Protein backbone atom coordinates (compact mmCIF):
# COMPACT_ATOMS: atom_id res chain seq x y z
CA MET A 1 -6.58 -8.56 55.31
CA GLU A 2 -7.82 -6.30 52.53
CA ASN A 3 -4.32 -4.84 52.11
CA GLU A 4 -2.76 -8.32 52.02
CA ILE A 5 -5.17 -9.41 49.28
CA GLN A 6 -4.39 -6.25 47.32
CA MET A 7 -0.62 -6.71 47.62
CA THR A 8 -0.89 -10.34 46.54
CA ALA A 9 -2.84 -9.32 43.45
CA ILE A 10 -0.24 -6.69 42.58
CA SER A 11 2.61 -9.15 42.91
CA ASP A 12 0.95 -11.42 40.36
CA PHE A 13 1.64 -9.09 37.42
CA GLY A 14 4.66 -7.13 36.26
CA ASN A 15 5.20 -3.40 36.35
CA PRO A 16 2.90 -2.05 33.60
CA TYR A 17 4.61 1.34 33.37
CA GLN A 18 7.40 1.82 30.83
CA ALA A 19 10.01 4.34 31.86
CA GLY A 20 12.95 5.20 29.65
CA LYS A 21 11.96 3.56 26.38
CA PRO A 22 9.48 4.34 23.58
CA VAL A 23 5.95 3.16 24.28
CA GLN A 24 4.06 0.98 21.82
CA GLY A 25 0.83 -0.96 21.53
CA GLY A 26 -1.72 -0.77 24.31
CA SER A 27 0.72 1.13 26.52
CA PHE A 28 0.46 4.20 24.28
CA TYR A 29 -1.88 6.97 25.45
CA GLY A 30 -3.00 10.29 24.02
CA ARG A 31 -1.51 12.39 21.20
CA LYS A 32 -4.70 12.03 19.16
CA ASP A 33 -4.48 15.66 18.06
CA ILE A 34 -1.02 15.21 16.55
CA LEU A 35 -1.79 11.84 14.98
CA ASP A 36 -5.05 13.10 13.48
CA LYS A 37 -3.35 16.18 12.02
CA ILE A 38 -0.71 14.05 10.30
CA LEU A 39 -3.17 11.43 9.07
CA ASN A 40 -5.65 14.04 7.82
CA ASN A 41 -2.92 15.81 5.87
CA LEU A 42 -1.71 12.53 4.39
CA ASN A 43 -5.24 11.89 3.15
CA ARG A 44 -5.36 15.17 1.26
CA PRO A 45 -4.74 15.22 -2.52
CA ARG A 46 -1.05 14.80 -3.22
CA ASP A 47 -0.72 18.17 -4.90
CA VAL A 48 -1.82 20.02 -1.73
CA GLU A 49 -0.50 17.81 1.09
CA PRO A 50 2.77 18.78 2.81
CA ASP A 51 5.85 17.13 1.33
CA ILE A 52 7.64 17.21 4.67
CA PHE A 53 6.34 17.01 8.24
CA VAL A 54 8.50 18.33 11.09
CA LEU A 55 7.78 16.97 14.57
CA HIS A 56 9.73 18.93 17.18
CA GLY A 57 9.80 19.03 20.95
CA PRO A 58 12.11 18.71 23.96
CA LYS A 59 13.88 15.47 24.70
CA ARG A 60 11.85 12.88 26.60
CA CYS A 61 8.54 14.36 25.45
CA GLY A 62 7.43 11.23 23.57
CA LYS A 63 8.26 12.00 19.93
CA THR A 64 9.59 8.52 19.17
CA SER A 65 6.49 6.92 20.68
CA VAL A 66 4.35 9.07 18.38
CA LEU A 67 6.36 7.94 15.35
CA LEU A 68 6.07 4.28 16.28
CA ARG A 69 2.35 4.68 16.87
CA LEU A 70 2.02 6.36 13.48
CA ARG A 71 3.92 3.49 11.88
CA ASP A 72 1.53 0.98 13.45
CA ILE A 73 -1.54 2.89 12.30
CA LEU A 74 -0.37 3.35 8.72
CA SER A 75 0.91 -0.21 8.32
CA LYS A 76 -2.47 -1.58 9.39
CA GLN A 77 -4.92 0.94 7.97
CA SER A 78 -3.40 2.86 5.09
CA HIS A 79 -3.90 1.85 1.49
CA SER A 80 -1.90 4.85 0.30
CA TYR A 81 1.26 4.88 2.45
CA VAL A 82 3.92 2.47 3.62
CA PRO A 83 5.62 3.81 6.78
CA ILE A 84 9.36 3.46 7.36
CA TYR A 85 10.91 4.41 10.72
CA ILE A 86 14.64 5.20 10.91
CA ASP A 87 16.53 6.37 14.00
CA LEU A 88 19.50 8.51 12.94
CA GLN A 89 20.86 8.43 16.50
CA GLY A 90 22.23 4.98 15.79
CA TYR A 91 24.36 6.16 12.87
CA THR A 92 27.79 6.41 14.46
CA SER A 93 31.12 7.41 12.93
CA ASP A 94 32.24 3.80 12.49
CA VAL A 95 29.50 3.21 9.88
CA PHE A 96 28.71 6.72 8.66
CA HIS A 97 31.17 9.23 7.27
CA ASP A 98 29.58 10.99 4.26
CA GLU A 99 26.42 11.31 2.17
CA SER A 100 27.15 8.11 0.27
CA SER A 101 27.30 5.98 3.43
CA LEU A 102 24.23 7.76 4.84
CA LEU A 103 22.14 6.90 1.78
CA GLN A 104 23.37 3.31 1.86
CA LEU A 105 22.47 2.95 5.54
CA ILE A 106 19.01 4.41 4.95
CA THR A 107 18.49 2.09 1.98
CA TYR A 108 19.39 -1.06 3.93
CA GLN A 109 17.17 -0.04 6.84
CA MET A 110 14.29 0.73 4.49
CA SER A 111 14.67 -2.70 2.91
CA ASN A 112 14.60 -4.38 6.33
CA GLU A 113 11.54 -2.39 7.43
CA LEU A 114 9.66 -3.36 4.27
CA LEU A 115 10.50 -7.03 4.81
CA GLU A 116 9.23 -6.81 8.40
CA GLN A 117 5.92 -5.56 7.01
CA GLY A 118 5.70 -8.53 4.67
CA ILE A 119 6.67 -6.57 1.57
CA SER A 120 9.17 -8.18 -0.79
CA ALA A 121 11.64 -5.33 -0.85
CA PRO A 122 14.22 -5.05 -3.63
CA GLU A 123 17.74 -6.08 -2.69
CA PRO A 124 19.83 -2.93 -2.08
CA GLY A 125 23.08 -4.68 -3.05
CA HIS A 126 26.35 -2.80 -2.62
CA ASP A 127 26.83 -2.78 -6.40
CA ASN A 128 23.83 -0.45 -6.71
CA PHE A 129 25.94 2.33 -5.21
CA GLY A 130 29.04 1.80 -7.31
CA GLU A 131 28.52 4.67 -9.75
CA SER A 132 26.74 7.12 -7.46
CA ALA A 133 25.04 6.83 -4.08
CA ARG A 134 22.20 9.05 -5.25
CA ILE A 135 21.65 6.99 -8.37
CA GLY A 136 21.69 3.80 -6.30
CA PHE A 137 19.27 5.28 -3.76
CA GLU A 138 16.86 6.44 -6.44
CA ARG A 139 17.08 3.08 -8.19
CA PHE A 140 16.06 1.42 -4.92
CA LEU A 141 13.17 3.89 -4.48
CA PHE A 142 11.99 3.27 -8.04
CA ASN A 143 12.07 -0.51 -7.61
CA ALA A 144 10.30 -0.23 -4.26
CA THR A 145 7.51 1.95 -5.64
CA GLN A 146 6.93 -0.56 -8.44
CA ILE A 147 6.36 -3.25 -5.82
CA LEU A 148 4.13 -0.98 -3.72
CA ALA A 149 1.69 -0.57 -6.63
CA GLY A 150 0.72 3.05 -6.14
CA ARG A 151 1.33 3.34 -2.43
CA ARG A 152 3.76 6.00 -1.31
CA LEU A 153 6.72 5.64 1.04
CA PHE A 154 6.40 7.65 4.26
CA LEU A 155 9.94 7.97 5.57
CA MET A 156 10.18 9.02 9.23
CA LEU A 157 13.68 10.11 10.25
CA ASP A 158 13.98 10.33 14.03
CA GLU A 159 16.70 12.43 15.74
CA PHE A 160 17.01 14.59 12.62
CA ASP A 161 19.09 17.06 14.65
CA LYS A 162 21.98 14.77 13.77
CA MET A 163 21.84 16.21 10.26
CA ARG A 164 22.66 19.63 11.65
CA GLU A 165 25.59 18.17 13.59
CA TRP A 166 26.91 16.32 10.55
CA ILE A 167 26.72 19.44 8.41
CA GLY A 168 28.58 21.37 11.10
CA GLU A 169 31.26 18.66 11.24
CA GLY A 170 31.68 18.68 7.47
CA LEU A 171 30.42 15.12 7.01
CA LEU A 172 27.47 16.42 4.99
CA THR A 173 26.63 19.66 3.21
CA VAL A 174 23.41 21.63 2.99
CA ASP A 175 23.10 20.14 -0.48
CA THR A 176 21.96 16.88 1.13
CA LEU A 177 18.88 18.70 2.43
CA GLY A 178 18.24 19.98 -1.07
CA TYR A 179 18.48 16.43 -2.33
CA PHE A 180 15.81 15.28 0.13
CA ARG A 181 13.66 18.16 -1.11
CA HIS A 182 14.24 16.97 -4.67
CA LEU A 183 13.08 13.47 -3.77
CA THR A 184 9.71 14.73 -2.51
CA ASP A 185 9.11 16.45 -5.84
CA LYS A 186 8.85 13.01 -7.41
CA LYS A 187 5.64 12.48 -5.40
CA SER A 188 6.60 8.91 -4.49
CA LEU A 189 8.13 9.81 -1.12
CA THR A 190 7.01 11.88 1.86
CA PHE A 191 9.31 12.73 4.77
CA LEU A 192 8.73 13.26 8.47
CA PHE A 193 11.66 14.71 10.40
CA ALA A 194 11.58 14.51 14.20
CA GLY A 195 13.88 16.25 16.66
CA THR A 196 14.32 18.87 19.37
CA PRO A 197 13.05 22.47 19.15
CA ARG A 198 16.32 23.31 17.39
CA LEU A 199 14.96 21.37 14.43
CA GLY A 200 12.21 23.94 13.98
CA THR A 201 14.86 26.65 13.88
CA PHE A 202 17.01 24.59 11.53
CA THR A 203 14.22 24.18 8.98
CA SER A 204 13.39 27.88 9.24
CA GLU A 205 17.02 28.74 8.45
CA HIS A 206 16.68 26.69 5.26
CA ARG A 207 13.07 27.57 4.50
CA GLY A 208 13.75 27.52 0.76
CA MET A 209 14.23 23.77 1.03
CA PHE A 210 11.29 23.27 3.38
CA HIS A 211 8.62 25.49 1.86
CA ALA A 212 5.84 22.85 1.83
CA THR A 213 6.37 21.83 5.44
CA LEU A 214 3.92 21.21 8.28
CA LYS A 215 5.54 21.84 11.67
CA LEU A 216 4.02 20.07 14.66
CA PRO A 217 5.22 20.87 18.20
CA VAL A 218 5.12 18.08 20.78
CA GLY A 219 4.72 19.10 24.41
CA PRO A 220 2.86 17.81 27.46
CA MET A 221 -0.11 15.51 27.03
CA SER A 222 -3.59 16.68 27.93
CA ARG A 223 -4.47 16.32 31.60
CA GLU A 224 -7.21 13.85 30.72
CA ASP A 225 -4.81 11.58 28.82
CA THR A 226 -2.23 11.89 31.60
CA CYS A 227 -4.79 10.73 34.16
CA ARG A 228 -5.61 7.75 31.94
CA LEU A 229 -1.91 6.93 31.66
CA ILE A 230 -1.71 6.91 35.46
CA THR A 231 -4.83 4.88 36.20
CA ASP A 232 -5.57 2.58 33.23
CA PRO A 233 -2.55 0.24 33.47
CA VAL A 234 -3.59 -0.89 36.96
CA LYS A 235 -7.35 -0.32 36.94
CA ASP A 236 -8.14 -4.05 36.96
CA HIS A 237 -6.09 -4.52 40.12
CA TYR A 238 -6.53 -1.42 42.25
CA ALA A 239 -7.81 2.16 42.15
CA ILE A 240 -5.53 5.16 42.61
CA PRO A 241 -7.12 7.93 44.72
CA ILE A 242 -8.01 10.96 42.62
CA GLU A 243 -5.91 13.18 44.89
CA ALA A 244 -2.84 11.07 44.07
CA VAL A 245 -3.64 11.14 40.35
CA GLU A 246 -3.90 14.93 40.37
CA LYS A 247 -0.67 15.24 42.36
CA ILE A 248 1.25 13.05 39.91
CA ALA A 249 -0.07 15.08 36.96
CA ASP A 250 1.00 18.30 38.70
CA VAL A 251 4.48 17.04 39.57
CA THR A 252 5.20 15.62 36.11
CA GLY A 253 3.74 18.54 34.18
CA CYS A 254 1.75 15.96 32.16
CA TYR A 255 4.86 14.86 30.27
CA PRO A 256 4.48 11.13 29.55
CA PHE A 257 8.10 10.19 30.29
CA PHE A 258 8.09 11.72 33.77
CA THR A 259 4.62 10.33 34.42
CA GLN A 260 5.83 6.84 33.53
CA VAL A 261 8.90 7.24 35.76
CA VAL A 262 6.90 8.38 38.79
CA CYS A 263 4.23 5.70 38.35
CA SER A 264 6.85 3.00 37.82
CA GLU A 265 8.69 3.98 41.00
CA LEU A 266 5.48 4.12 43.02
CA PHE A 267 4.45 0.73 41.70
CA THR A 268 7.72 -0.87 42.83
CA ILE A 269 7.27 0.27 46.43
CA LEU A 270 3.66 -0.85 46.81
């Protein structure tokens, strides 16, 4: 009877584990060390804070979830920064073919992100890019910073490894990286680049353009946070034996993606 009651309770709510997609809101666990390091550095005086943050780690380690969490925190708590999240993975060859189109795509996405945060973003009309994409991009940044009244744009570019690919394919040149560096010198824009461990190597190869950079590796979560990720989503419905919790943490290596996958599969067969 006890088992029947437990199974009925479980069937009354959906699978709380999220496997295969970035985690947001109350489903996000851990990474306090990384988030605190970024936030603490952003709160430093502008002349000593890093101009560029580099978040690097293997695929499926939770980098995108960290960026989305950071966006949520800054949009709700920061009086100094306005976060913008952009996923470069979605920039395919049918819409992107050179630096000009890249800057236009980033501009339109920035405008949409600002509007979603309730900020009346300037219109990035196509005419703005008629004379020069860089001039049009900087005009948009200038108009945006006037609206933000002293707050700084924090531009998070996910899947930044794509830049390396595009340079290798001849779609971009290394000069584009230098241009991003130039933009940070204006002190109205801070970048965060996120990608695989190759990104750390990439920025080292061009260290002259990334001299004021804070590199942050992303790996497994702490064992404590992993155990919370396993138990908290279902704690109001049933308790997972500690032996099972420890076994899951061992098998998944405390990587959140694999932990979510295992827990999701186990939940479906209960």
